[in-house]
Amino acid sequence: MSPKPINVLITGTNRGIGLEMVRQLMEDKGRVKKMFACCRDPNGPKAEALQALANKHPDIITIVAIDVNNLESIKEAAQLIRSQLGGSGLNLLVNNAGIALEGNLQEITTKDMQDSFNTNVLGPMNIIKEFLPLLREAVKASGISGMSCNKAAVINITSMEASMDVTKHSYAEAAIVPFRVSKAALNMLTVCAAEEMKKEKILFCMLHPGWVRTDTGGQWAEIDVKVSVKGMLKVIATMADKHNGLFLDYEGTTLPW
């Protein structure tokens, strides 16, 4: 018997990886019951592709305004989404929104680091906290054992550049200190959440999407966004208890810390 359709929330869906995640999940017929596609400015010109996608799937996709740097915005979004779920809860939450500020230690400013932490660490932290009640509702409503994205899972999109081992070999080519440090902090936040919530059977995992040809990854990146997202969704679909707290890439390979 195939799993029942799930309720999904993804941040940063107006472009790149987030938009492609929404698109591919819509192609997987019957996989998603409710899709909450979140971005900072749903009515802006950068969200036109997302709006077009929502118009094709009006019964499934709801575009929700979330500024991950604004706690009140997150709280308002959580209230709106709760009102639409009717007690069924949120099965899959993907913290995808983020920024990648560049610069070495001598070049970066305090503001660079603060902005990176606000978006890449505090944003996901506040989203997890505000949507935790809906994840708990999904656990109760699931009727299945163990951990999985069909039950309740939080996937934080991170980067291999957050790895301390990898940094020793890649720093000369890409300093990107604010990005590396903030994503490393996100990884620690994920592990802490995985330990804290494992008794409640809510799965937490980190995913590196690869070096992807997006606005962030640049035109010289190794893979296109379709390949990255297809891989990540395949990995997410197979996650279970043993993946809780792991740092994986889009092919399911465990990455060094």
C-alpha atoms as a PDB file:
ATOM      1  CA  MET A   1       0.000   0.000   0.000  1.00  0.00           C
ATOM      2  CA  SER A   2       1.426   3.393  -0.986  1.00  0.00           C
ATOM      3  CA  PRO A   3       1.821   6.009   1.777  1.00  0.00           C
ATOM      4  CA  LYS A   4      -0.939   8.534   2.188  1.00  0.00           C
ATOM      5  CA  PRO A   5      -0.364  12.065   0.798  1.00  0.00           C
ATOM      6  CA  ILE A   6       1.653  14.344   3.058  1.00  0.00           C
ATOM      7  CA  ASN A   7       1.526  17.997   4.064  1.00  0.00           C
ATOM      8  CA  VAL A   8       4.698  19.881   3.132  1.00  0.00           C
ATOM      9  CA  LEU A   9       6.205  23.275   3.898  1.00  0.00           C
ATOM     10  CA  ILE A  10       9.240  24.595   2.032  1.00  0.00           C
ATOM     11  CA  THR A  11      10.891  27.990   2.507  1.00  0.00           C
ATOM     12  CA  GLY A  12      12.604  29.980  -0.216  1.00  0.00           C
ATOM     13  CA  THR A  13      10.379  28.647  -2.992  1.00  0.00           C
ATOM     14  CA  ASN A  14      10.361  31.641  -5.327  1.00  0.00           C
ATOM     15  CA  ARG A  15      13.505  30.458  -7.148  1.00  0.00           C
ATOM     16  CA  GLY A  16      16.265  27.887  -7.432  1.00  0.00           C
ATOM     17  CA  ILE A  17      16.171  24.765  -5.303  1.00  0.00           C
ATOM     18  CA  GLY A  18      12.976  25.667  -3.440  1.00  0.00           C
ATOM     19  CA  LEU A  19      10.994  26.326  -6.619  1.00  0.00           C
ATOM     20  CA  GLU A  20      12.250  23.117  -8.216  1.00  0.00           C
ATOM     21  CA  MET A  21      11.300  21.134  -5.101  1.00  0.00           C
ATOM     22  CA  VAL A  22       7.735  22.374  -5.382  1.00  0.00           C
ATOM     23  CA  ARG A  23       7.662  21.622  -9.108  1.00  0.00           C
ATOM     24  CA  GLN A  24       8.975  18.065  -8.797  1.00  0.00           C
ATOM     25  CA  LEU A  25       6.717  17.220  -5.863  1.00  0.00           C
ATOM     26  CA  MET A  26       3.746  18.350  -7.952  1.00  0.00           C
ATOM     27  CA  GLU A  27       4.870  15.975 -10.715  1.00  0.00           C
ATOM     28  CA  ASP A  28       4.749  13.077  -8.250  1.00  0.00           C
ATOM     29  CA  LYS A  29       0.998  12.565  -8.477  1.00  0.00           C
ATOM     30  CA  GLY A  30      -0.750  11.909  -5.196  1.00  0.00           C
ATOM     31  CA  ARG A  31       2.409  12.467  -3.134  1.00  0.00           C
ATOM     32  CA  VAL A  32       1.375  15.795  -1.584  1.00  0.00           C
ATOM     33  CA  LYS A  33      -1.930  16.701  -0.016  1.00  0.00           C
ATOM     34  CA  LYS A  34      -1.082  20.276   0.920  1.00  0.00           C
ATOM     35  CA  MET A  35       1.975  22.235  -0.209  1.00  0.00           C
ATOM     36  CA  PHE A  36       2.816  25.450   1.636  1.00  0.00           C
ATOM     37  CA  ALA A  37       5.281  27.233  -0.614  1.00  0.00           C
ATOM     38  CA  CYS A  38       6.879  30.024   1.371  1.00  0.00           C
ATOM     39  CA  CYS A  39       8.862  33.062   0.311  1.00  0.00           C
ATOM     40  CA  ARG A  40       9.407  36.599   1.507  1.00  0.00           C
ATOM     41  CA  ASP A  41       7.521  38.431  -1.265  1.00  0.00           C
ATOM     42  CA  PRO A  42       4.896  36.196  -2.912  1.00  0.00           C
ATOM     43  CA  ASN A  43       3.557  39.054  -5.044  1.00  0.00           C
ATOM     44  CA  GLY A  44       6.914  40.326  -6.245  1.00  0.00           C
ATOM     45  CA  PRO A  45       8.391  39.860  -9.739  1.00  0.00           C
ATOM     46  CA  LYS A  46      10.799  37.175  -8.465  1.00  0.00           C
ATOM     47  CA  ALA A  47       7.850  34.967  -7.514  1.00  0.00           C
ATOM     48  CA  GLU A  48       6.123  34.887 -10.914  1.00  0.00           C
ATOM     49  CA  ALA A  49       7.196  31.293 -11.665  1.00  0.00           C
ATOM     50  CA  LEU A  50       5.911  30.184  -8.271  1.00  0.00           C
ATOM     51  CA  GLN A  51       2.605  31.967  -8.860  1.00  0.00           C
ATOM     52  CA  ALA A  52       2.232  30.211 -12.209  1.00  0.00           C
ATOM     53  CA  LEU A  53       2.882  26.855 -10.551  1.00  0.00           C
ATOM     54  CA  ALA A  54       0.323  27.576  -7.843  1.00  0.00           C
ATOM     55  CA  ASN A  55      -2.246  28.496 -10.487  1.00  0.00           C
ATOM     56  CA  LYS A  56      -1.761  25.039 -12.050  1.00  0.00           C
ATOM     57  CA  HIS A  57      -2.357  23.319  -8.697  1.00  0.00           C
ATOM     58  CA  PRO A  58      -4.765  25.580  -6.788  1.00  0.00           C
ATOM     59  CA  ASP A  59      -6.131  22.768  -4.619  1.00  0.00           C
ATOM     60  CA  ILE A  60      -2.692  21.756  -3.396  1.00  0.00           C
ATOM     61  CA  ILE A  61      -0.335  24.750  -3.381  1.00  0.00           C
ATOM     62  CA  THR A  62      -0.796  27.652  -1.000  1.00  0.00           C
ATOM     63  CA  ILE A  63       1.785  30.411  -1.281  1.00  0.00           C
ATOM     64  CA  VAL A  64       2.615  31.800   2.149  1.00  0.00           C
ATOM     65  CA  ALA A  65       4.569  34.943   2.968  1.00  0.00           C
ATOM     66  CA  ILE A  66       7.412  34.204   5.373  1.00  0.00           C
ATOM     67  CA  ASP A  67      10.355  36.470   6.097  1.00  0.00           C
ATOM     68  CA  VAL A  68      12.703  34.116   7.942  1.00  0.00           C
ATOM     69  CA  ASN A  69      14.362  37.132   9.556  1.00  0.00           C
ATOM     70  CA  ASN A  70      11.086  38.252  11.128  1.00  0.00           C
ATOM     71  CA  LEU A  71       9.657  36.211  14.000  1.00  0.00           C
ATOM     72  CA  GLU A  72       6.224  37.826  13.746  1.00  0.00           C
ATOM     73  CA  SER A  73       6.076  36.857  10.076  1.00  0.00           C
ATOM     74  CA  ILE A  74       6.848  33.250  11.005  1.00  0.00           C
ATOM     75  CA  LYS A  75       4.219  33.250  13.773  1.00  0.00           C
ATOM     76  CA  GLU A  76       1.565  34.620  11.411  1.00  0.00           C
ATOM     77  CA  ALA A  77       2.412  31.995   8.799  1.00  0.00           C
ATOM     78  CA  ALA A  78       2.164  29.229  11.409  1.00  0.00           C
ATOM     79  CA  GLN A  79      -1.308  30.414  12.427  1.00  0.00           C
ATOM     80  CA  LEU A  80      -2.460  30.545   8.803  1.00  0.00           C
ATOM     81  CA  ILE A  81      -1.140  27.072   8.022  1.00  0.00           C
ATOM     82  CA  ARG A  82      -2.605  25.587  11.196  1.00  0.00           C
ATOM     83  CA  SER A  83      -6.030  26.888  10.159  1.00  0.00           C
ATOM     84  CA  GLN A  84      -5.743  25.038   6.835  1.00  0.00           C
ATOM     85  CA  LEU A  85      -4.509  21.692   8.138  1.00  0.00           C
ATOM     86  CA  GLY A  86      -7.461  20.844  10.337  1.00  0.00           C
ATOM     87  CA  GLY A  87      -5.502  18.768  12.833  1.00  0.00           C
ATOM     88  CA  SER A  88      -3.672  16.590  10.300  1.00  0.00           C
ATOM     89  CA  GLY A  89      -0.360  18.254  11.066  1.00  0.00           C
ATOM     90  CA  LEU A  90       2.743  18.991   9.024  1.00  0.00           C
ATOM     91  CA  ASN A  91       4.683  15.964   7.780  1.00  0.00           C
ATOM     92  CA  LEU A  92       7.668  17.533   6.042  1.00  0.00           C
ATOM     93  CA  LEU A  93       9.321  20.888   6.718  1.00  0.00           C
ATOM     94  CA  VAL A  94      12.225  21.940   4.497  1.00  0.00           C
ATOM     95  CA  ASN A  95      14.306  24.898   5.654  1.00  0.00           C
ATOM     96  CA  ASN A  96      15.707  25.939   2.292  1.00  0.00           C
ATOM     97  CA  ALA A  97      15.824  29.751   2.462  1.00  0.00           C
ATOM     98  CA  GLY A  98      19.322  31.079   3.016  1.00  0.00           C
ATOM     99  CA  ILE A  99      22.011  33.538   1.973  1.00  0.00           C
ATOM    100  CA  ALA A 100      25.617  33.006   0.890  1.00  0.00           C
ATOM    101  CA  LEU A 101      27.750  36.031   1.703  1.00  0.00           C
ATOM    102  CA  GLU A 102      31.363  35.883   0.564  1.00  0.00           C
ATOM    103  CA  GLY A 103      34.634  37.148   1.984  1.00  0.00           C
ATOM    104  CA  ASN A 104      37.608  35.978   4.002  1.00  0.00           C
ATOM    105  CA  LEU A 105      38.147  36.720   7.674  1.00  0.00           C
ATOM    106  CA  GLN A 106      39.945  40.003   6.943  1.00  0.00           C
ATOM    107  CA  GLU A 107      37.267  41.248   4.545  1.00  0.00           C
ATOM    108  CA  ILE A 108      33.997  40.403   6.272  1.00  0.00           C
ATOM    109  CA  THR A 109      32.131  42.749   8.578  1.00  0.00           C
ATOM    110  CA  THR A 110      30.159  42.202  11.740  1.00  0.00           C
ATOM    111  CA  LYS A 111      27.004  42.871   9.727  1.00  0.00           C
ATOM    112  CA  ASP A 112      27.933  40.162   7.195  1.00  0.00           C
ATOM    113  CA  MET A 113      28.129  37.624   9.990  1.00  0.00           C
ATOM    114  CA  GLN A 114      25.001  38.878  11.743  1.00  0.00           C
ATOM    115  CA  ASP A 115      22.970  38.802   8.526  1.00  0.00           C
ATOM    116  CA  SER A 116      24.194  35.271   7.774  1.00  0.00           C
ATOM    117  CA  PHE A 117      23.290  33.996  11.238  1.00  0.00           C
ATOM    118  CA  ASN A 118      19.901  35.730  11.173  1.00  0.00           C
ATOM    119  CA  THR A 119      18.935  34.033   7.904  1.00  0.00           C
ATOM    120  CA  ASN A 120      20.816  30.730   8.020  1.00  0.00           C
ATOM    121  CA  VAL A 121      20.530  29.874  11.724  1.00  0.00           C
ATOM    122  CA  LEU A 122      17.960  31.940  13.610  1.00  0.00           C
ATOM    123  CA  GLY A 123      15.448  31.733  10.763  1.00  0.00           C
ATOM    124  CA  PRO A 124      15.396  27.915  10.680  1.00  0.00           C
ATOM    125  CA  MET A 125      15.475  27.809  14.481  1.00  0.00           C
ATOM    126  CA  ASN A 126      12.383  29.989  14.798  1.00  0.00           C
ATOM    127  CA  ILE A 127      10.567  28.124  12.036  1.00  0.00           C
ATOM    128  CA  ILE A 128      11.230  24.805  13.760  1.00  0.00           C
ATOM    129  CA  LYS A 129       9.989  26.158  17.089  1.00  0.00           C
ATOM    130  CA  GLU A 130       6.822  27.742  15.681  1.00  0.00           C
ATOM    131  CA  PHE A 131       5.878  24.713  13.572  1.00  0.00           C
ATOM    132  CA  LEU A 132       6.770  22.114  16.185  1.00  0.00           C
ATOM    133  CA  PRO A 133       3.132  21.810  17.349  1.00  0.00           C
ATOM    134  CA  LEU A 134       2.097  20.940  13.778  1.00  0.00           C
ATOM    135  CA  LEU A 135       4.891  18.368  13.494  1.00  0.00           C
ATOM    136  CA  ARG A 136       3.651  16.803  16.731  1.00  0.00           C
ATOM    137  CA  GLU A 137       0.118  16.708  15.337  1.00  0.00           C
ATOM    138  CA  ALA A 138       1.442  14.872  12.283  1.00  0.00           C
ATOM    139  CA  VAL A 139       3.101  12.255  14.503  1.00  0.00           C
ATOM    140  CA  LYS A 140      -0.193  11.620  16.287  1.00  0.00           C
ATOM    141  CA  ALA A 141      -2.173  11.482  13.060  1.00  0.00           C
ATOM    142  CA  SER A 142       0.269   9.313  11.110  1.00  0.00           C
ATOM    143  CA  GLY A 143      -0.566   5.879  12.497  1.00  0.00           C
ATOM    144  CA  ILE A 144       2.866   4.594  11.452  1.00  0.00           C
ATOM    145  CA  SER A 145       5.894   3.550  13.482  1.00  0.00           C
ATOM    146  CA  GLY A 146       9.445   4.863  13.323  1.00  0.00           C
ATOM    147  CA  MET A 147      10.708   8.085  11.766  1.00  0.00           C
ATOM    148  CA  SER A 148      10.125   9.230   8.191  1.00  0.00           C
ATOM    149  CA  CYS A 149       9.011  12.144   6.045  1.00  0.00           C
ATOM    150  CA  ASN A 150       5.624  10.421   5.842  1.00  0.00           C
ATOM    151  CA  LYS A 151       5.328  10.988   9.574  1.00  0.00           C
ATOM    152  CA  ALA A 152       7.169  14.149  10.676  1.00  0.00           C
ATOM    153  CA  ALA A 153      10.551  15.367   9.449  1.00  0.00           C
ATOM    154  CA  VAL A 154      12.599  18.556   9.262  1.00  0.00           C
ATOM    155  CA  ILE A 155      15.202  18.806   6.507  1.00  0.00           C
ATOM    156  CA  ASN A 156      17.695  21.655   6.774  1.00  0.00           C
ATOM    157  CA  ILE A 157      19.416  22.522   3.513  1.00  0.00           C
ATOM    158  CA  THR A 158      23.053  23.092   4.379  1.00  0.00           C
ATOM    159  CA  SER A 159      26.355  22.845   2.510  1.00  0.00           C
ATOM    160  CA  MET A 160      29.467  20.722   2.322  1.00  0.00           C
ATOM    161  CA  GLU A 161      31.333  24.013   2.781  1.00  0.00           C
ATOM    162  CA  ALA A 162      30.193  23.885   6.428  1.00  0.00           C
ATOM    163  CA  SER A 163      32.383  20.829   6.969  1.00  0.00           C
ATOM    164  CA  MET A 164      35.543  21.608   8.923  1.00  0.00           C
ATOM    165  CA  ASP A 165      37.360  18.772   7.179  1.00  0.00           C
ATOM    166  CA  VAL A 166      36.338  20.002   3.728  1.00  0.00           C
ATOM    167  CA  THR A 167      37.234  23.609   4.554  1.00  0.00           C
ATOM    168  CA  LYS A 168      40.896  22.645   4.988  1.00  0.00           C
ATOM    169  CA  HIS A 169      41.003  21.721   1.299  1.00  0.00           C
ATOM    170  CA  SER A 170      38.546  24.182  -0.262  1.00  0.00           C
ATOM    171  CA  TYR A 171      39.143  27.436   1.628  1.00  0.00           C
ATOM    172  CA  ALA A 172      41.778  28.761  -0.781  1.00  0.00           C
ATOM    173  CA  GLU A 173      39.286  28.566  -3.658  1.00  0.00           C
ATOM    174  CA  ALA A 174      36.246  29.835  -1.749  1.00  0.00           C
ATOM    175  CA  ALA A 175      36.671  31.676   1.544  1.00  0.00           C
ATOM    176  CA  ILE A 176      32.948  32.508   2.026  1.00  0.00           C
ATOM    177  CA  VAL A 177      33.451  32.751   5.788  1.00  0.00           C
ATOM    178  CA  PRO A 178      29.933  33.981   6.760  1.00  0.00           C
ATOM    179  CA  PHE A 179      28.349  31.171   4.756  1.00  0.00           C
ATOM    180  CA  ARG A 180      30.655  28.452   6.093  1.00  0.00           C
ATOM    181  CA  VAL A 181      30.337  29.514   9.724  1.00  0.00           C
ATOM    182  CA  SER A 182      26.558  30.016   9.697  1.00  0.00           C
ATOM    183  CA  LYS A 183      25.896  26.706   7.933  1.00  0.00           C
ATOM    184  CA  ALA A 184      28.170  24.932  10.409  1.00  0.00           C
ATOM    185  CA  ALA A 185      26.017  26.457  13.158  1.00  0.00           C
ATOM    186  CA  LEU A 186      22.886  25.251  11.351  1.00  0.00           C
ATOM    187  CA  ASN A 187      24.352  21.749  11.323  1.00  0.00           C
ATOM    188  CA  MET A 188      24.887  21.852  15.084  1.00  0.00           C
ATOM    189  CA  LEU A 189      21.349  23.180  15.560  1.00  0.00           C
ATOM    190  CA  THR A 190      20.065  20.227  13.528  1.00  0.00           C
ATOM    191  CA  VAL A 191      21.971  17.674  15.605  1.00  0.00           C
ATOM    192  CA  CYS A 192      20.706  19.275  18.822  1.00  0.00           C
ATOM    193  CA  ALA A 193      17.130  19.148  17.526  1.00  0.00           C
ATOM    194  CA  ALA A 194      17.584  15.531  16.424  1.00  0.00           C
ATOM    195  CA  GLU A 195      18.678  14.543  19.912  1.00  0.00           C
ATOM    196  CA  GLU A 196      15.990  16.571  21.651  1.00  0.00           C
ATOM    197  CA  MET A 197      13.092  15.406  19.504  1.00  0.00           C
ATOM    198  CA  LYS A 198      13.966  11.747  18.831  1.00  0.00           C
ATOM    199  CA  LYS A 199      11.712  10.568  21.667  1.00  0.00           C
ATOM    200  CA  GLU A 200       8.822  12.297  19.884  1.00  0.00           C
ATOM    201  CA  LYS A 201       9.724  10.519  16.629  1.00  0.00           C
ATOM    202  CA  ILE A 202      10.373  13.730  14.680  1.00  0.00           C
ATOM    203  CA  LEU A 203      13.263  13.212  12.280  1.00  0.00           C
ATOM    204  CA  PHE A 204      15.900  15.907  11.671  1.00  0.00           C
ATOM    205  CA  CYS A 205      18.498  15.708   8.928  1.00  0.00           C
ATOM    206  CA  MET A 206      20.905  17.946   6.984  1.00  0.00           C
ATOM    207  CA  LEU A 207      21.176  17.831   3.193  1.00  0.00           C
ATOM    208  CA  HIS A 208      23.902  19.257   0.965  1.00  0.00           C
ATOM    209  CA  PRO A 209      22.319  19.857  -2.469  1.00  0.00           C
ATOM    210  CA  GLY A 210      25.635  19.704  -4.322  1.00  0.00           C
ATOM    211  CA  TRP A 211      27.261  22.574  -6.162  1.00  0.00           C
ATOM    212  CA  VAL A 212      24.187  23.666  -8.091  1.00  0.00           C
ATOM    213  CA  ARG A 213      23.768  26.079 -10.978  1.00  0.00           C
ATOM    214  CA  THR A 214      21.528  28.631  -9.249  1.00  0.00           C
ATOM    215  CA  ASP A 215      21.831  32.332  -8.417  1.00  0.00           C
ATOM    216  CA  THR A 216      23.819  31.259  -5.361  1.00  0.00           C
ATOM    217  CA  GLY A 217      25.912  28.491  -6.922  1.00  0.00           C
ATOM    218  CA  GLY A 218      26.748  30.362 -10.115  1.00  0.00           C
ATOM    219  CA  GLN A 219      26.823  29.317 -13.756  1.00  0.00           C
ATOM    220  CA  TRP A 220      30.000  27.231 -13.421  1.00  0.00           C
ATOM    221  CA  ALA A 221      28.541  24.871 -10.812  1.00  0.00           C
ATOM    222  CA  GLU A 222      28.718  21.107 -11.323  1.00  0.00           C
ATOM    223  CA  ILE A 223      25.047  20.101 -11.592  1.00  0.00           C
ATOM    224  CA  ASP A 224      21.753  21.678 -12.561  1.00  0.00           C
ATOM    225  CA  VAL A 225      18.937  22.219 -10.130  1.00  0.00           C
ATOM    226  CA  LYS A 226      16.778  19.404 -11.537  1.00  0.00           C
ATOM    227  CA  VAL A 227      19.454  16.785 -10.834  1.00  0.00           C
ATOM    228  CA  SER A 228      20.052  18.151  -7.334  1.00  0.00           C
ATOM    229  CA  VAL A 229      16.401  18.236  -6.350  1.00  0.00           C
ATOM    230  CA  LYS A 230      15.606  14.851  -7.871  1.00  0.00           C
ATOM    231  CA  GLY A 231      18.404  13.366  -5.797  1.00  0.00           C
ATOM    232  CA  MET A 232      17.416  15.131  -2.588  1.00  0.00           C
ATOM    233  CA  LEU A 233      13.774  14.120  -2.883  1.00  0.00           C
ATOM    234  CA  LYS A 234      14.824  10.509  -3.423  1.00  0.00           C
ATOM    235  CA  VAL A 235      17.003  10.657  -0.299  1.00  0.00           C
ATOM    236  CA  ILE A 236      14.247  12.329   1.735  1.00  0.00           C
ATOM    237  CA  ALA A 237      11.722   9.683   0.690  1.00  0.00           C
ATOM    238  CA  THR A 238      13.928   6.882   2.026  1.00  0.00           C
ATOM    239  CA  MET A 239      14.838   8.477   5.360  1.00  0.00           C
ATOM    240  CA  ALA A 240      14.222   6.505   8.541  1.00  0.00           C
ATOM    241  CA  ASP A 241      15.390   6.398  12.162  1.00  0.00           C
ATOM    242  CA  LYS A 242      18.986   5.668  11.153  1.00  0.00           C
ATOM    243  CA  HIS A 243      19.204   8.968   9.280  1.00  0.00           C
ATOM    244  CA  ASN A 244      18.261  11.112  12.273  1.00  0.00           C
ATOM    245  CA  GLY A 245      20.920  13.786  12.808  1.00  0.00           C
ATOM    246  CA  LEU A 246      23.007  12.808   9.760  1.00  0.00           C
ATOM    247  CA  PHE A 247      24.807  15.133   7.329  1.00  0.00           C
ATOM    248  CA  LEU A 248      24.108  13.808   3.809  1.00  0.00           C
ATOM    249  CA  ASP A 249      24.462  14.970   0.232  1.00  0.00           C
ATOM    250  CA  TYR A 250      21.901  14.777  -2.568  1.00  0.00           C
ATOM    251  CA  GLU A 251      23.033  11.246  -3.416  1.00  0.00           C
ATOM    252  CA  GLY A 252      22.642  10.002   0.152  1.00  0.00           C
ATOM    253  CA  THR A 253      26.360   9.934   0.924  1.00  0.00           C
ATOM    254  CA  THR A 254      27.296  10.727   4.536  1.00  0.00           C
ATOM    255  CA  LEU A 255      29.550  13.795   4.640  1.00  0.00           C
ATOM    256  CA  PRO A 256      32.462  14.518   6.994  1.00  0.00           C
ATOM    257  CA  TRP A 257      31.990  17.091   9.718  1.00  0.00           C
END
